[in-house]
Amino acid sequence: MKTDIQIQKDVLAELNWEPSVNAATIGVEVKGGIVTLTGNVGSYADKWHAEAAAQRVEGVMALTVEIEVTLPGPSKRTDVDIARSAENVLQWTSYLSKDSIKVMVENGWVTLSGEVEWQYQRVTAATSVRYLMGVTGLSNNIAIRPKLTSKAVKTDIEAALKRRATAHPDRISVDVRGGDVTLSGTVNSWAEREVAKTSAWGTPGVNNVVDKLTVAY
């Protein structure tokens, strides 16, 4: 099991390795396997990539983010401009139905709402908006319309877990109520935890995934 010092070193190394992150502007603190990122970045995308980099490190039990986004002068835009850009990029995204997603912007923070049929469409919408100039944060409130019965969703998720690189899929319990899926049990790493969550989200009919998995080293 890694010590907090080793986890800190590994997170810092991962931040330095990630080309989309300016690691010099980010501080890393670790206590009991819980990582806290601090500092100041120039865009929301920088913040998001820093979070993703920290989550990739084995031994990270949880992550808290205290990074502030301070836009440089040329990147500052009005909420109206940001909303217009977000609506345009969503309209031009082929994976999305026209007018299926609504956009709200407040002080640069974008909130997406509406309904889609698949999780990949929900992710695509967030990715399209994340990199727009002037965005300081993003809330993805897009819902997924359930299409299958709870039994069918449960069967699909369990089959996906067996197909993928999860060492012990039998240690993961899948509970489905409507479009809500709860994962519980034990996994060996954060990466294995992400595989389980991705398997659940990749199943048609899933509207929400509650992660109650425990990482045991």
C-alpha atoms as a PDB file:
ATOM      1  CA  MET A   1       0.000   0.000   0.000  1.00  0.00           C
ATOM      2  CA  LYS A   2       1.354   3.430  -0.939  1.00  0.00           C
ATOM      3  CA  THR A   3       2.154   6.028   1.686  1.00  0.00           C
ATOM      4  CA  ASP A   4       0.718   9.534   1.415  1.00  0.00           C
ATOM      5  CA  ILE A   5       4.181  10.805   0.465  1.00  0.00           C
ATOM      6  CA  GLN A   6       4.449   8.304  -2.384  1.00  0.00           C
ATOM      7  CA  ILE A   7       0.944   9.158  -3.611  1.00  0.00           C
ATOM      8  CA  GLN A   8       1.848  12.839  -3.549  1.00  0.00           C
ATOM      9  CA  LYS A   9       5.008  12.191  -5.583  1.00  0.00           C
ATOM     10  CA  ASP A  10       3.081  10.079  -8.088  1.00  0.00           C
ATOM     11  CA  VAL A  11       0.318  12.673  -8.517  1.00  0.00           C
ATOM     12  CA  LEU A  12       2.893  15.421  -9.044  1.00  0.00           C
ATOM     13  CA  ALA A  13       4.686  13.218 -11.591  1.00  0.00           C
ATOM     14  CA  GLU A  14       1.405  12.517 -13.392  1.00  0.00           C
ATOM     15  CA  LEU A  15       0.590  16.229 -13.524  1.00  0.00           C
ATOM     16  CA  ASN A  16       4.041  16.936 -14.957  1.00  0.00           C
ATOM     17  CA  TRP A  17       3.590  14.132 -17.491  1.00  0.00           C
ATOM     18  CA  GLU A  18       0.194  15.410 -18.692  1.00  0.00           C
ATOM     19  CA  PRO A  19       0.925  17.897 -21.524  1.00  0.00           C
ATOM     20  CA  SER A  20      -2.365  19.779 -21.095  1.00  0.00           C
ATOM     21  CA  VAL A  21      -1.568  20.690 -17.472  1.00  0.00           C
ATOM     22  CA  ASN A  22       0.777  23.392 -16.190  1.00  0.00           C
ATOM     23  CA  ALA A  23       1.886  21.493 -13.087  1.00  0.00           C
ATOM     24  CA  ALA A  24       3.840  24.479 -11.771  1.00  0.00           C
ATOM     25  CA  THR A  25       0.550  26.214 -10.894  1.00  0.00           C
ATOM     26  CA  ILE A  26      -0.957  23.277  -8.971  1.00  0.00           C
ATOM     27  CA  GLY A  27      -0.267  22.125  -5.408  1.00  0.00           C
ATOM     28  CA  VAL A  28      -0.892  18.592  -4.136  1.00  0.00           C
ATOM     29  CA  GLU A  29      -1.692  17.570  -0.564  1.00  0.00           C
ATOM     30  CA  VAL A  30      -2.444  14.007   0.564  1.00  0.00           C
ATOM     31  CA  LYS A  31      -3.899  12.737   3.818  1.00  0.00           C
ATOM     32  CA  GLY A  32      -5.109   9.178   4.293  1.00  0.00           C
ATOM     33  CA  GLY A  33      -5.107   8.606   0.548  1.00  0.00           C
ATOM     34  CA  ILE A  34      -7.354  11.639  -0.041  1.00  0.00           C
ATOM     35  CA  VAL A  35      -5.761  14.033  -2.519  1.00  0.00           C
ATOM     36  CA  THR A  36      -6.415  17.771  -2.488  1.00  0.00           C
ATOM     37  CA  LEU A  37      -5.475  19.847  -5.512  1.00  0.00           C
ATOM     38  CA  THR A  38      -4.920  23.577  -4.997  1.00  0.00           C
ATOM     39  CA  GLY A  39      -3.709  26.461  -7.114  1.00  0.00           C
ATOM     40  CA  ASN A  40      -4.820  28.669  -9.962  1.00  0.00           C
ATOM     41  CA  VAL A  41      -5.287  27.872 -13.664  1.00  0.00           C
ATOM     42  CA  GLY A  42      -6.203  29.894 -16.743  1.00  0.00           C
ATOM     43  CA  SER A  43      -9.133  27.825 -18.017  1.00  0.00           C
ATOM     44  CA  TYR A  44     -11.736  25.312 -16.919  1.00  0.00           C
ATOM     45  CA  ALA A  45     -10.215  22.745 -19.288  1.00  0.00           C
ATOM     46  CA  ASP A  46      -6.891  23.028 -17.413  1.00  0.00           C
ATOM     47  CA  LYS A  47      -8.687  22.321 -14.152  1.00  0.00           C
ATOM     48  CA  TRP A  48     -10.544  19.343 -15.604  1.00  0.00           C
ATOM     49  CA  HIS A  49      -7.366  17.775 -17.006  1.00  0.00           C
ATOM     50  CA  ALA A  50      -5.630  18.181 -13.628  1.00  0.00           C
ATOM     51  CA  GLU A  51      -8.496  16.350 -11.920  1.00  0.00           C
ATOM     52  CA  ALA A  52      -8.377  13.546 -14.494  1.00  0.00           C
ATOM     53  CA  ALA A  53      -4.599  13.194 -14.115  1.00  0.00           C
ATOM     54  CA  ALA A  54      -4.839  12.842 -10.326  1.00  0.00           C
ATOM     55  CA  GLN A  55      -7.586  10.230 -10.622  1.00  0.00           C
ATOM     56  CA  ARG A  56      -5.359   8.037 -12.807  1.00  0.00           C
ATOM     57  CA  VAL A  57      -2.832   7.510 -10.014  1.00  0.00           C
ATOM     58  CA  GLU A  58      -3.075   4.224  -8.138  1.00  0.00           C
ATOM     59  CA  GLY A  59      -3.593   4.662  -4.413  1.00  0.00           C
ATOM     60  CA  VAL A  60      -5.809   7.744  -4.666  1.00  0.00           C
ATOM     61  CA  MET A  61      -8.860   6.995  -2.516  1.00  0.00           C
ATOM     62  CA  ALA A  62     -10.706  10.275  -3.082  1.00  0.00           C
ATOM     63  CA  LEU A  63     -10.131  13.674  -4.607  1.00  0.00           C
ATOM     64  CA  THR A  64     -11.014  17.199  -3.504  1.00  0.00           C
ATOM     65  CA  VAL A  65     -10.400  20.152  -5.797  1.00  0.00           C
ATOM     66  CA  GLU A  66      -9.675  23.679  -4.596  1.00  0.00           C
ATOM     67  CA  ILE A  67      -8.280  24.950  -7.886  1.00  0.00           C
ATOM     68  CA  GLU A  68      -9.505  28.379  -8.963  1.00  0.00           C
ATOM     69  CA  VAL A  69     -10.042  29.343 -12.588  1.00  0.00           C
ATOM     70  CA  THR A  70      -8.811  32.864 -13.351  1.00  0.00           C
ATOM     71  CA  LEU A  71      -9.301  33.776 -16.974  1.00  0.00           C
ATOM     72  CA  PRO A  72      -6.644  35.936 -18.622  1.00  0.00           C
ATOM     73  CA  GLY A  73      -7.914  39.167 -20.156  1.00  0.00           C
ATOM     74  CA  PRO A  74      -8.295  37.938 -23.770  1.00  0.00           C
ATOM     75  CA  SER A  75     -10.275  34.872 -22.595  1.00  0.00           C
ATOM     76  CA  LYS A  76     -12.960  36.795 -20.709  1.00  0.00           C
ATOM     77  CA  ARG A  77     -16.355  36.803 -22.413  1.00  0.00           C
ATOM     78  CA  THR A  78     -19.889  37.762 -21.483  1.00  0.00           C
ATOM     79  CA  ASP A  79     -22.359  35.073 -20.443  1.00  0.00           C
ATOM     80  CA  VAL A  80     -24.385  35.839 -23.573  1.00  0.00           C
ATOM     81  CA  ASP A  81     -21.365  35.180 -25.803  1.00  0.00           C
ATOM     82  CA  ILE A  82     -20.556  31.931 -24.001  1.00  0.00           C
ATOM     83  CA  ALA A  83     -24.179  30.740 -24.202  1.00  0.00           C
ATOM     84  CA  ARG A  84     -24.329  31.531 -27.924  1.00  0.00           C
ATOM     85  CA  SER A  85     -21.077  29.635 -28.567  1.00  0.00           C
ATOM     86  CA  ALA A  86     -22.261  26.657 -26.505  1.00  0.00           C
ATOM     87  CA  GLU A  87     -25.557  26.487 -28.385  1.00  0.00           C
ATOM     88  CA  ASN A  88     -23.751  26.679 -31.734  1.00  0.00           C
ATOM     89  CA  VAL A  89     -21.256  23.926 -30.941  1.00  0.00           C
ATOM     90  CA  LEU A  90     -24.025  21.656 -29.632  1.00  0.00           C
ATOM     91  CA  GLN A  91     -26.097  22.250 -32.772  1.00  0.00           C
ATOM     92  CA  TRP A  92     -23.094  21.235 -34.909  1.00  0.00           C
ATOM     93  CA  THR A  93     -22.419  18.049 -32.905  1.00  0.00           C
ATOM     94  CA  SER A  94     -23.696  15.149 -35.003  1.00  0.00           C
ATOM     95  CA  TYR A  95     -24.245  12.843 -32.027  1.00  0.00           C
ATOM     96  CA  LEU A  96     -26.950  15.129 -30.604  1.00  0.00           C
ATOM     97  CA  SER A  97     -30.530  15.737 -31.694  1.00  0.00           C
ATOM     98  CA  LYS A  98     -31.373  19.338 -32.490  1.00  0.00           C
ATOM     99  CA  ASP A  99     -32.634  21.323 -29.475  1.00  0.00           C
ATOM    100  CA  SER A 100     -32.298  18.296 -27.164  1.00  0.00           C
ATOM    101  CA  ILE A 101     -30.003  20.212 -24.780  1.00  0.00           C
ATOM    102  CA  LYS A 102     -30.563  23.535 -23.034  1.00  0.00           C
ATOM    103  CA  VAL A 103     -27.771  25.898 -21.989  1.00  0.00           C
ATOM    104  CA  MET A 104     -27.635  28.283 -19.026  1.00  0.00           C
ATOM    105  CA  VAL A 105     -24.601  30.445 -18.195  1.00  0.00           C
ATOM    106  CA  GLU A 106     -23.926  32.405 -15.012  1.00  0.00           C
ATOM    107  CA  ASN A 107     -20.579  34.128 -14.421  1.00  0.00           C
ATOM    108  CA  GLY A 108     -18.970  31.832 -16.962  1.00  0.00           C
ATOM    109  CA  TRP A 109     -20.337  28.673 -15.341  1.00  0.00           C
ATOM    110  CA  VAL A 110     -22.265  26.601 -17.893  1.00  0.00           C
ATOM    111  CA  THR A 111     -25.173  24.353 -16.893  1.00  0.00           C
ATOM    112  CA  LEU A 112     -26.437  21.817 -19.432  1.00  0.00           C
ATOM    113  CA  SER A 113     -29.905  20.273 -19.141  1.00  0.00           C
ATOM    114  CA  GLY A 114     -32.279  18.283 -21.342  1.00  0.00           C
ATOM    115  CA  GLU A 115     -32.549  14.627 -22.342  1.00  0.00           C
ATOM    116  CA  VAL A 116     -30.561  12.219 -24.541  1.00  0.00           C
ATOM    117  CA  GLU A 117     -30.753   8.490 -25.157  1.00  0.00           C
ATOM    118  CA  TRP A 118     -27.169   7.459 -24.376  1.00  0.00           C
ATOM    119  CA  GLN A 119     -24.418   8.315 -21.904  1.00  0.00           C
ATOM    120  CA  TYR A 120     -21.904   8.921 -24.713  1.00  0.00           C
ATOM    121  CA  GLN A 121     -24.170  11.739 -25.967  1.00  0.00           C
ATOM    122  CA  ARG A 122     -24.190  13.258 -22.481  1.00  0.00           C
ATOM    123  CA  VAL A 123     -20.383  13.062 -22.330  1.00  0.00           C
ATOM    124  CA  THR A 124     -20.013  14.453 -25.856  1.00  0.00           C
ATOM    125  CA  ALA A 125     -22.109  17.498 -24.966  1.00  0.00           C
ATOM    126  CA  ALA A 126     -19.969  18.270 -21.922  1.00  0.00           C
ATOM    127  CA  THR A 127     -16.746  17.765 -23.864  1.00  0.00           C
ATOM    128  CA  SER A 128     -17.924  20.099 -26.634  1.00  0.00           C
ATOM    129  CA  VAL A 129     -18.585  22.918 -24.162  1.00  0.00           C
ATOM    130  CA  ARG A 130     -15.655  22.325 -21.797  1.00  0.00           C
ATOM    131  CA  TYR A 131     -13.062  23.815 -24.131  1.00  0.00           C
ATOM    132  CA  LEU A 132     -14.936  26.970 -25.090  1.00  0.00           C
ATOM    133  CA  MET A 133     -13.150  30.209 -24.288  1.00  0.00           C
ATOM    134  CA  GLY A 134     -14.538  31.970 -21.227  1.00  0.00           C
ATOM    135  CA  VAL A 135     -15.968  28.877 -19.478  1.00  0.00           C
ATOM    136  CA  THR A 136     -15.102  28.790 -15.754  1.00  0.00           C
ATOM    137  CA  GLY A 137     -17.031  25.656 -14.775  1.00  0.00           C
ATOM    138  CA  LEU A 138     -19.527  23.093 -15.999  1.00  0.00           C
ATOM    139  CA  SER A 139     -22.559  21.299 -14.518  1.00  0.00           C
ATOM    140  CA  ASN A 140     -23.870  18.431 -16.625  1.00  0.00           C
ATOM    141  CA  ASN A 141     -27.536  17.965 -15.670  1.00  0.00           C
ATOM    142  CA  ILE A 142     -28.497  16.202 -18.888  1.00  0.00           C
ATOM    143  CA  ALA A 143     -30.781  13.235 -18.189  1.00  0.00           C
ATOM    144  CA  ILE A 144     -30.900   9.931 -20.061  1.00  0.00           C
ATOM    145  CA  ARG A 145     -34.254   8.551 -21.148  1.00  0.00           C
ATOM    146  CA  PRO A 146     -34.565   4.951 -19.902  1.00  0.00           C
ATOM    147  CA  LYS A 147     -35.491   2.421 -22.579  1.00  0.00           C
ATOM    148  CA  LEU A 148     -35.044  -0.976 -20.962  1.00  0.00           C
ATOM    149  CA  THR A 149     -36.399  -2.815 -17.950  1.00  0.00           C
ATOM    150  CA  SER A 150     -34.354  -2.860 -14.726  1.00  0.00           C
ATOM    151  CA  LYS A 151     -33.676  -6.585 -15.180  1.00  0.00           C
ATOM    152  CA  ALA A 152     -32.304  -6.066 -18.691  1.00  0.00           C
ATOM    153  CA  VAL A 153     -30.080  -3.189 -17.564  1.00  0.00           C
ATOM    154  CA  LYS A 154     -28.687  -5.285 -14.694  1.00  0.00           C
ATOM    155  CA  THR A 155     -27.954  -8.205 -17.025  1.00  0.00           C
ATOM    156  CA  ASP A 156     -26.184  -5.956 -19.549  1.00  0.00           C
ATOM    157  CA  ILE A 157     -24.001  -4.319 -16.897  1.00  0.00           C
ATOM    158  CA  GLU A 158     -22.974  -7.614 -15.299  1.00  0.00           C
ATOM    159  CA  ALA A 159     -22.085  -9.014 -18.741  1.00  0.00           C
ATOM    160  CA  ALA A 160     -20.010  -5.918 -19.518  1.00  0.00           C
ATOM    161  CA  LEU A 161     -18.109  -6.249 -16.229  1.00  0.00           C
ATOM    162  CA  LYS A 162     -17.215  -9.856 -17.076  1.00  0.00           C
ATOM    163  CA  ARG A 163     -15.987  -8.881 -20.559  1.00  0.00           C
ATOM    164  CA  ARG A 164     -13.723  -6.108 -19.364  1.00  0.00           C
ATOM    165  CA  ALA A 165     -10.527  -5.935 -17.360  1.00  0.00           C
ATOM    166  CA  THR A 166     -12.126  -6.155 -13.926  1.00  0.00           C
ATOM    167  CA  ALA A 167     -10.174  -8.779 -11.988  1.00  0.00           C
ATOM    168  CA  HIS A 168     -13.059  -9.935  -9.789  1.00  0.00           C
ATOM    169  CA  PRO A 169     -16.428  -8.892 -11.249  1.00  0.00           C
ATOM    170  CA  ASP A 170     -18.161 -11.115  -8.677  1.00  0.00           C
ATOM    171  CA  ARG A 171     -17.065  -8.659  -5.975  1.00  0.00           C
ATOM    172  CA  ILE A 172     -19.173  -5.923  -7.545  1.00  0.00           C
ATOM    173  CA  SER A 173     -22.879  -5.770  -6.769  1.00  0.00           C
ATOM    174  CA  VAL A 174     -25.225  -4.136  -9.270  1.00  0.00           C
ATOM    175  CA  ASP A 175     -28.598  -2.824  -8.092  1.00  0.00           C
ATOM    176  CA  VAL A 176     -30.959  -1.315 -10.677  1.00  0.00           C
ATOM    177  CA  ARG A 177     -34.082   0.689  -9.907  1.00  0.00           C
ATOM    178  CA  GLY A 178     -35.575   2.232 -13.002  1.00  0.00           C
ATOM    179  CA  GLY A 179     -32.743   4.106 -14.710  1.00  0.00           C
ATOM    180  CA  ASP A 180     -30.704   4.388 -11.501  1.00  0.00           C
ATOM    181  CA  VAL A 181     -27.790   1.991 -10.985  1.00  0.00           C
ATOM    182  CA  THR A 182     -25.957   1.529  -7.681  1.00  0.00           C
ATOM    183  CA  LEU A 183     -22.540  -0.150  -7.710  1.00  0.00           C
ATOM    184  CA  SER A 184     -21.228  -1.506  -4.428  1.00  0.00           C
ATOM    185  CA  GLY A 185     -18.494  -3.906  -3.360  1.00  0.00           C
ATOM    186  CA  THR A 186     -14.705  -3.888  -3.576  1.00  0.00           C
ATOM    187  CA  VAL A 187     -12.233  -3.162  -6.392  1.00  0.00           C
ATOM    188  CA  ASN A 188      -8.438  -3.269  -6.402  1.00  0.00           C
ATOM    189  CA  SER A 189      -7.690   0.164  -7.864  1.00  0.00           C
ATOM    190  CA  TRP A 190      -9.173   3.468  -8.949  1.00  0.00           C
ATOM    191  CA  ALA A 191      -8.729   2.357 -12.569  1.00  0.00           C
ATOM    192  CA  GLU A 192     -10.795  -0.786 -11.927  1.00  0.00           C
ATOM    193  CA  ARG A 193     -13.412   1.403 -10.281  1.00  0.00           C
ATOM    194  CA  GLU A 194     -13.575   3.546 -13.426  1.00  0.00           C
ATOM    195  CA  VAL A 195     -14.001   0.425 -15.584  1.00  0.00           C
ATOM    196  CA  ALA A 196     -17.003  -0.597 -13.477  1.00  0.00           C
ATOM    197  CA  LYS A 197     -18.560   2.873 -13.686  1.00  0.00           C
ATOM    198  CA  THR A 198     -17.915   3.116 -17.431  1.00  0.00           C
ATOM    199  CA  SER A 199     -19.530  -0.299 -17.927  1.00  0.00           C
ATOM    200  CA  ALA A 200     -22.619   0.895 -16.078  1.00  0.00           C
ATOM    201  CA  TRP A 201     -22.815   4.204 -17.928  1.00  0.00           C
ATOM    202  CA  GLY A 202     -22.340   2.463 -21.281  1.00  0.00           C
ATOM    203  CA  THR A 203     -25.536   0.466 -20.852  1.00  0.00           C
ATOM    204  CA  PRO A 204     -28.648   1.824 -22.611  1.00  0.00           C
ATOM    205  CA  GLY A 205     -31.347   2.968 -20.207  1.00  0.00           C
ATOM    206  CA  VAL A 206     -28.985   4.057 -17.421  1.00  0.00           C
ATOM    207  CA  ASN A 207     -29.817   7.570 -16.209  1.00  0.00           C
ATOM    208  CA  ASN A 208     -27.706   7.761 -13.053  1.00  0.00           C
ATOM    209  CA  VAL A 209     -24.837   5.765 -11.517  1.00  0.00           C
ATOM    210  CA  VAL A 210     -24.300   5.815  -7.761  1.00  0.00           C
ATOM    211  CA  ASP A 211     -20.750   4.744  -6.919  1.00  0.00           C
ATOM    212  CA  LYS A 212     -20.481   2.994  -3.556  1.00  0.00           C
ATOM    213  CA  LEU A 213     -17.421   0.955  -4.538  1.00  0.00           C
ATOM    214  CA  THR A 214     -14.523   0.694  -2.095  1.00  0.00           C
ATOM    215  CA  VAL A 215     -10.930   0.651  -3.294  1.00  0.00           C
ATOM    216  CA  ALA A 216      -8.897  -1.923  -1.353  1.00  0.00           C
ATOM    217  CA  TYR A 217      -5.122  -2.228  -1.805  1.00  0.00           C
END
